[in-house]
């Protein structure tokens, strides 16, 4: 008979994931991923679908940083200051989202951002 037990490493990673999701940093990155996914969907159905790539890039970079901090790879690569890299990443993302949102609002009604006016 085949052994149906789950390897302990898989269980360890799930436990690390549960513990990391309960931290402030894990919660913020999870919220950032979910909000970026919502922005991708909203831009995708609006007249400004060209901005979808920006939101998708932010979502994937958030996922990458989530994985880096979850697996504690930041402790293995200590030559990179991960806190500053993450700060610059989020700062640039905020500026890009503000600029693209302002462009969408200025070019027409604000409802175009969320896809209400697909004319």
Protein backbone atom coordinates (compact mmCIF):
# COMPACT_ATOMS: atom_id res chain seq x y z
CA UNK A 1 0.00 0.00 0.00
CA UNK A 2 1.08 3.49 -0.75
CA UNK A 3 1.77 5.81 2.11
CA UNK A 4 -0.92 8.52 2.12
CA UNK A 5 0.69 10.66 4.79
CA UNK A 6 1.53 14.20 3.80
CA UNK A 7 5.26 14.96 3.89
CA UNK A 8 6.26 17.00 6.91
CA UNK A 9 7.87 19.70 4.76
CA UNK A 10 4.51 20.47 3.11
CA UNK A 11 2.87 20.73 6.52
CA UNK A 12 5.72 22.94 7.72
CA UNK A 13 5.22 25.31 4.79
CA UNK A 14 1.48 25.45 5.46
CA UNK A 15 2.13 26.24 9.10
CA UNK A 16 4.61 28.95 8.11
CA UNK A 17 1.99 30.35 5.73
CA UNK A 18 -0.67 30.42 8.45
CA UNK A 19 1.71 32.11 10.87
CA UNK A 20 2.88 34.62 8.27
CA UNK A 21 -0.68 35.51 7.25
CA UNK A 22 -1.38 36.47 10.88
CA UNK A 23 1.47 38.98 10.96
CA UNK A 24 0.93 42.61 10.04
CA UNK A 25 3.25 42.38 7.04
CA UNK A 26 1.53 39.24 5.74
CA UNK A 27 -1.91 40.78 6.15
CA UNK A 28 -0.88 43.96 4.33
CA UNK A 29 0.68 42.03 1.43
CA UNK A 30 -2.39 39.81 1.16
CA UNK A 31 -4.64 42.86 1.08
CA UNK A 32 -2.37 44.44 -1.52
CA UNK A 33 -2.63 41.35 -3.73
CA UNK A 34 -6.44 41.27 -3.44
CA UNK A 35 -6.78 45.01 -4.13
CA UNK A 36 -4.45 44.72 -7.14
CA UNK A 37 -6.57 41.85 -8.47
CA UNK A 38 -9.69 44.00 -8.13
CA UNK A 39 -7.93 46.86 -9.95
CA UNK A 40 -6.87 44.47 -12.74
CA UNK A 41 -10.49 43.39 -13.21
CA UNK A 42 -11.80 46.97 -13.10
CA UNK A 43 -9.26 48.23 -15.62
CA UNK A 44 -9.83 45.17 -17.79
CA UNK A 45 -13.54 45.86 -18.28
CA UNK A 46 -13.21 49.63 -18.61
CA UNK A 47 -12.33 51.77 -21.59
CA UNK A 48 -8.85 52.18 -20.13
CA UNK A 49 -7.84 48.54 -20.46
CA UNK A 50 -4.32 49.58 -21.42
CA UNK A 51 -3.56 50.26 -17.78
CA UNK A 52 -4.23 46.66 -16.83
CA UNK A 53 -0.55 45.81 -17.25
CA UNK A 54 0.42 48.26 -14.50
CA UNK A 55 -1.99 46.70 -12.02
CA UNK A 56 -0.96 43.19 -13.07
CA UNK A 57 2.72 44.07 -12.58
CA UNK A 58 1.95 45.41 -9.10
CA UNK A 59 0.00 42.27 -8.26
CA UNK A 60 2.83 39.98 -9.38
CA UNK A 61 5.45 42.03 -7.54
CA UNK A 62 3.29 41.83 -4.39
CA UNK A 63 3.04 38.06 -4.83
CA UNK A 64 6.82 37.85 -5.27
CA UNK A 65 7.47 39.83 -2.09
CA UNK A 66 4.85 37.78 -0.25
CA UNK A 67 6.72 34.61 -1.20
CA UNK A 68 10.11 36.14 -0.31
CA UNK A 69 8.97 37.14 3.17
CA UNK A 70 6.86 33.99 3.72
CA UNK A 71 9.73 31.62 2.94
CA UNK A 72 12.13 33.91 4.83
CA UNK A 73 14.38 34.31 1.81
CA UNK A 74 15.08 37.85 2.96
CA UNK A 75 17.14 36.37 5.79
CA UNK A 76 19.19 34.28 3.36
CA UNK A 77 20.00 37.20 1.02
CA UNK A 78 21.10 39.82 3.49
CA UNK A 79 23.06 41.94 1.04
CA UNK A 80 19.76 43.39 -0.16
CA UNK A 81 17.90 45.68 2.21
CA UNK A 82 14.45 44.16 1.68
CA UNK A 83 12.60 46.73 3.76
CA UNK A 84 13.81 49.59 1.58
CA UNK A 85 13.19 47.65 -1.64
CA UNK A 86 9.64 46.92 -0.50
CA UNK A 87 9.15 50.57 0.51
CA UNK A 88 10.29 51.79 -2.91
CA UNK A 89 8.11 49.19 -4.65
CA UNK A 90 4.99 50.26 -2.80
CA UNK A 91 5.82 53.96 -3.15
CA UNK A 92 6.20 53.64 -6.90
CA UNK A 93 3.00 51.58 -7.08
CA UNK A 94 1.06 54.24 -5.18
CA UNK A 95 2.34 56.98 -7.50
CA UNK A 96 1.55 54.94 -10.61
CA UNK A 97 -1.97 54.11 -9.40
CA UNK A 98 -2.65 57.75 -8.50
CA UNK A 99 -1.36 58.99 -11.86
CA UNK A 100 -3.32 56.44 -13.90
CA UNK A 101 -6.47 57.05 -11.88
CA UNK A 102 -6.15 60.80 -12.42
CA UNK A 103 -5.63 60.26 -16.15
CA UNK A 104 -8.78 58.15 -16.30
CA UNK A 105 -10.79 60.71 -14.32
CA UNK A 106 -9.53 63.69 -16.32
CA UNK A 107 -10.15 62.02 -19.70
CA UNK A 108 -13.80 61.42 -18.92
CA UNK A 109 -16.12 60.57 -16.12
CA UNK A 110 -14.79 58.70 -13.13
CA UNK A 111 -17.19 55.87 -13.89
CA UNK A 112 -14.98 54.78 -16.79
CA UNK A 113 -12.43 53.48 -14.32
CA UNK A 114 -14.77 50.80 -13.04
CA UNK A 115 -16.32 50.01 -16.41
CA UNK A 116 -19.74 51.56 -16.07
CA UNK A 117 -19.54 53.39 -19.40
CA UNK A 118 -18.40 50.87 -21.98
CA UNK A 119 -19.46 52.85 -25.04
